[in-house]
Amino acid sequence: MALMITEECIACDECREECPNDAIEVDDPHYIIDPDRCTECVGYDDEPSCIPVCPVDALIPDPNNIESIEELKYKYEQLQKEE
């Protein structure tokens, strides 16, 4: 499941710096997550690296992009091929 950023986002840039997939993009007035790039850090870490650094707890699971661990691993592998 990809993550999403809620309207509580204060655009502090903390999450963007932590994202290994460059899935977090600047939007106005808050940031957004590209669900095609978000693997919840599968392939990099045991948990999403953006969640613990968010000072306002604005990152939540995206109910419109539910994916299994296997699907997230596949997405990670495809993103690695792009690099």
N, C-alpha and C. Protein backbone atom coordinates (compact mmCIF):
# COMPACT_ATOMS: atom_id res chain seq x y z
N MET A 1 0.84 -1.17 0.00
CA MET A 1 0.00 0.00 0.00
C MET A 1 0.89 1.23 0.00
N ALA A 2 0.68 2.10 -0.90
CA ALA A 2 1.41 3.37 -0.91
C ALA A 2 0.91 4.22 0.25
N LEU A 3 1.72 5.17 0.61
CA LEU A 3 1.33 6.11 1.64
C LEU A 3 0.77 7.37 0.99
N MET A 4 0.12 8.19 1.80
CA MET A 4 -0.34 9.48 1.32
C MET A 4 -0.07 10.51 2.41
N ILE A 5 -0.05 11.77 2.01
CA ILE A 5 0.20 12.85 2.93
C ILE A 5 -1.11 13.63 3.10
N THR A 6 -1.49 13.82 4.35
CA THR A 6 -2.74 14.52 4.64
C THR A 6 -2.55 16.03 4.60
N GLU A 7 -3.64 16.74 4.74
CA GLU A 7 -3.61 18.20 4.71
C GLU A 7 -2.92 18.81 5.92
N GLU A 8 -2.59 17.99 6.91
CA GLU A 8 -1.85 18.49 8.06
C GLU A 8 -0.40 18.80 7.72
N CYS A 9 0.05 18.38 6.55
CA CYS A 9 1.43 18.59 6.11
C CYS A 9 1.80 20.07 6.20
N ILE A 10 3.00 20.33 6.76
CA ILE A 10 3.48 21.71 6.87
C ILE A 10 4.62 21.98 5.88
N ALA A 11 4.85 21.07 4.95
CA ALA A 11 5.86 21.22 3.90
C ALA A 11 7.24 21.52 4.48
N CYS A 12 7.61 20.76 5.50
CA CYS A 12 8.89 21.00 6.18
C CYS A 12 10.07 20.36 5.46
N ASP A 13 9.81 19.46 4.52
CA ASP A 13 10.82 18.79 3.70
C ASP A 13 11.49 17.60 4.38
N GLU A 14 11.13 17.30 5.61
CA GLU A 14 11.75 16.17 6.32
C GLU A 14 11.49 14.85 5.60
N CYS A 15 10.28 14.60 5.21
CA CYS A 15 9.93 13.33 4.57
C CYS A 15 10.59 13.19 3.20
N ARG A 16 10.64 14.28 2.46
CA ARG A 16 11.24 14.25 1.12
C ARG A 16 12.69 13.80 1.16
N GLU A 17 13.42 14.28 2.14
CA GLU A 17 14.83 13.94 2.27
C GLU A 17 15.03 12.47 2.62
N GLU A 18 14.05 11.86 3.26
CA GLU A 18 14.16 10.47 3.70
C GLU A 18 13.74 9.46 2.65
N CYS A 19 12.97 9.87 1.66
CA CYS A 19 12.40 8.93 0.69
C CYS A 19 13.45 8.42 -0.29
N PRO A 20 13.75 7.11 -0.27
CA PRO A 20 14.76 6.56 -1.17
C PRO A 20 14.29 6.43 -2.62
N ASN A 21 12.98 6.55 -2.85
CA ASN A 21 12.42 6.40 -4.19
C ASN A 21 12.04 7.72 -4.84
N ASP A 22 12.32 8.81 -4.20
CA ASP A 22 11.92 10.13 -4.72
C ASP A 22 10.43 10.16 -5.05
N ALA A 23 9.64 9.55 -4.17
CA ALA A 23 8.20 9.48 -4.39
C ALA A 23 7.45 10.69 -3.86
N ILE A 24 8.10 11.50 -3.04
CA ILE A 24 7.44 12.64 -2.42
C ILE A 24 7.74 13.89 -3.23
N GLU A 25 6.67 14.56 -3.63
CA GLU A 25 6.79 15.72 -4.50
C GLU A 25 6.21 16.96 -3.82
N VAL A 26 6.77 18.10 -4.18
CA VAL A 26 6.25 19.36 -3.68
C VAL A 26 4.95 19.67 -4.40
N ASP A 27 3.95 20.03 -3.64
CA ASP A 27 2.67 20.46 -4.18
C ASP A 27 2.24 21.65 -3.31
N ASP A 28 1.28 22.37 -3.72
CA ASP A 28 0.86 23.53 -2.95
C ASP A 28 -0.53 23.28 -2.40
N PRO A 29 -0.76 23.37 -1.13
CA PRO A 29 0.11 23.89 -0.09
C PRO A 29 0.90 22.82 0.66
N HIS A 30 0.69 21.54 0.37
CA HIS A 30 1.44 20.50 1.07
C HIS A 30 2.00 19.51 0.06
N TYR A 31 2.77 18.57 0.53
CA TYR A 31 3.41 17.60 -0.35
C TYR A 31 2.46 16.47 -0.71
N ILE A 32 2.81 15.76 -1.78
CA ILE A 32 2.05 14.58 -2.20
C ILE A 32 3.02 13.43 -2.43
N ILE A 33 2.48 12.22 -2.42
CA ILE A 33 3.29 11.02 -2.68
C ILE A 33 2.80 10.40 -3.98
N ASP A 34 3.74 10.12 -4.87
CA ASP A 34 3.44 9.43 -6.12
C ASP A 34 3.27 7.95 -5.79
N PRO A 35 2.04 7.42 -5.88
CA PRO A 35 1.82 6.02 -5.52
C PRO A 35 2.56 5.03 -6.42
N ASP A 36 2.95 5.47 -7.61
CA ASP A 36 3.69 4.59 -8.50
C ASP A 36 5.15 4.44 -8.07
N ARG A 37 5.62 5.32 -7.21
CA ARG A 37 7.01 5.27 -6.74
C ARG A 37 7.13 4.84 -5.28
N CYS A 38 6.04 4.93 -4.52
CA CYS A 38 6.09 4.61 -3.10
C CYS A 38 6.04 3.10 -2.89
N THR A 39 7.08 2.57 -2.25
CA THR A 39 7.12 1.14 -1.92
C THR A 39 7.07 0.94 -0.41
N GLU A 40 6.74 2.01 0.33
CA GLU A 40 6.78 1.97 1.79
C GLU A 40 8.15 1.53 2.27
N CYS A 41 9.16 1.83 1.49
CA CYS A 41 10.57 1.53 1.76
C CYS A 41 10.89 0.04 1.70
N VAL A 42 9.97 -0.78 1.16
CA VAL A 42 10.28 -2.19 0.93
C VAL A 42 11.49 -2.23 0.00
N GLY A 43 12.46 -3.02 0.36
CA GLY A 43 13.70 -3.10 -0.39
C GLY A 43 14.80 -2.26 0.22
N TYR A 44 14.42 -1.32 1.06
CA TYR A 44 15.39 -0.44 1.71
C TYR A 44 15.41 -0.63 3.23
N ASP A 45 14.23 -0.79 3.81
CA ASP A 45 14.12 -0.83 5.26
C ASP A 45 12.90 -1.66 5.66
N ASP A 46 12.76 -1.90 6.95
CA ASP A 46 11.64 -2.68 7.45
C ASP A 46 10.35 -1.87 7.57
N GLU A 47 10.47 -0.55 7.58
CA GLU A 47 9.30 0.30 7.68
C GLU A 47 9.54 1.58 6.90
N PRO A 48 8.49 2.30 6.57
CA PRO A 48 8.65 3.56 5.82
C PRO A 48 9.52 4.55 6.60
N SER A 49 10.49 5.12 5.93
CA SER A 49 11.40 6.04 6.59
C SER A 49 10.82 7.44 6.77
N CYS A 50 9.77 7.76 6.04
CA CYS A 50 9.19 9.10 6.13
C CYS A 50 8.32 9.29 7.37
N ILE A 51 7.65 8.24 7.81
CA ILE A 51 6.69 8.37 8.92
C ILE A 51 7.34 8.88 10.21
N PRO A 52 8.46 8.30 10.67
CA PRO A 52 8.99 8.77 11.95
C PRO A 52 9.57 10.19 11.93
N VAL A 53 9.89 10.72 10.77
CA VAL A 53 10.47 12.06 10.73
C VAL A 53 9.42 13.16 10.58
N CYS A 54 8.18 12.81 10.31
CA CYS A 54 7.13 13.81 10.13
C CYS A 54 6.74 14.41 11.48
N PRO A 55 6.94 15.72 11.64
CA PRO A 55 6.63 16.35 12.93
C PRO A 55 5.14 16.51 13.21
N VAL A 56 4.29 16.33 12.21
CA VAL A 56 2.85 16.52 12.41
C VAL A 56 2.03 15.26 12.10
N ASP A 57 2.70 14.12 11.95
CA ASP A 57 2.02 12.84 11.68
C ASP A 57 1.06 12.93 10.49
N ALA A 58 1.57 13.48 9.38
CA ALA A 58 0.73 13.69 8.20
C ALA A 58 0.79 12.54 7.20
N LEU A 59 1.55 11.49 7.49
CA LEU A 59 1.66 10.37 6.55
C LEU A 59 0.82 9.20 7.04
N ILE A 60 -0.05 8.72 6.15
CA ILE A 60 -0.94 7.62 6.48
C ILE A 60 -1.02 6.66 5.29
N PRO A 61 -1.50 5.44 5.51
CA PRO A 61 -1.73 4.53 4.38
C PRO A 61 -2.77 5.11 3.42
N ASP A 62 -2.54 4.93 2.14
CA ASP A 62 -3.45 5.43 1.12
C ASP A 62 -4.50 4.36 0.82
N PRO A 63 -5.74 4.58 1.22
CA PRO A 63 -6.77 3.55 1.00
C PRO A 63 -7.07 3.29 -0.47
N ASN A 64 -6.64 4.19 -1.35
CA ASN A 64 -6.88 4.02 -2.79
C ASN A 64 -5.75 3.26 -3.48
N ASN A 65 -4.71 2.92 -2.74
CA ASN A 65 -3.56 2.22 -3.33
C ASN A 65 -3.10 1.09 -2.42
N ILE A 66 -3.95 0.11 -2.25
CA ILE A 66 -3.65 -1.03 -1.39
C ILE A 66 -2.83 -2.04 -2.17
N GLU A 67 -1.64 -2.40 -1.62
CA GLU A 67 -0.76 -3.35 -2.28
C GLU A 67 -0.21 -4.34 -1.25
N SER A 68 0.04 -5.54 -1.70
CA SER A 68 0.64 -6.55 -0.82
C SER A 68 2.15 -6.32 -0.76
N ILE A 69 2.80 -7.00 0.15
CA ILE A 69 4.26 -6.93 0.25
C ILE A 69 4.89 -7.40 -1.06
N GLU A 70 4.34 -8.42 -1.67
CA GLU A 70 4.86 -8.92 -2.93
C GLU A 70 4.77 -7.87 -4.02
N GLU A 71 3.65 -7.16 -4.06
CA GLU A 71 3.49 -6.09 -5.06
C GLU A 71 4.47 -4.94 -4.80
N LEU A 72 4.68 -4.61 -3.54
CA LEU A 72 5.65 -3.56 -3.20
C LEU A 72 7.07 -3.98 -3.57
N LYS A 73 7.40 -5.25 -3.35
CA LYS A 73 8.72 -5.76 -3.74
C LYS A 73 8.90 -5.69 -5.25
N TYR A 74 7.86 -6.05 -5.98
CA TYR A 74 7.93 -5.97 -7.44
C TYR A 74 8.13 -4.53 -7.90
N LYS A 75 7.38 -3.61 -7.30
CA LYS A 75 7.52 -2.20 -7.65
C LYS A 75 8.95 -1.72 -7.36
N TYR A 76 9.49 -2.13 -6.20
CA TYR A 76 10.87 -1.78 -5.85
C TYR A 76 11.84 -2.28 -6.93
N GLU A 77 11.68 -3.53 -7.34
CA GLU A 77 12.56 -4.11 -8.36
C GLU A 77 12.45 -3.35 -9.68
N GLN A 78 11.26 -2.96 -10.05
CA GLN A 78 11.07 -2.20 -11.30
C GLN A 78 11.72 -0.82 -11.20
N LEU A 79 11.62 -0.19 -10.06
CA LEU A 79 12.24 1.12 -9.86
C LEU A 79 13.77 1.01 -9.91
N GLN A 80 14.30 -0.10 -9.42
CA GLN A 80 15.74 -0.30 -9.46
C GLN A 80 16.26 -0.41 -10.90
N LYS A 81 15.45 -0.98 -11.77
CA LYS A 81 15.81 -1.11 -13.18
C LYS A 81 15.90 0.25 -13.88
N GLU A 82 15.13 1.23 -13.36
CA GLU A 82 15.13 2.57 -13.96
C GLU A 82 16.43 3.31 -13.69
N GLU A 83 17.10 2.97 -12.61
CA GLU A 83 18.31 3.72 -12.22
C GLU A 83 19.52 3.37 -13.02
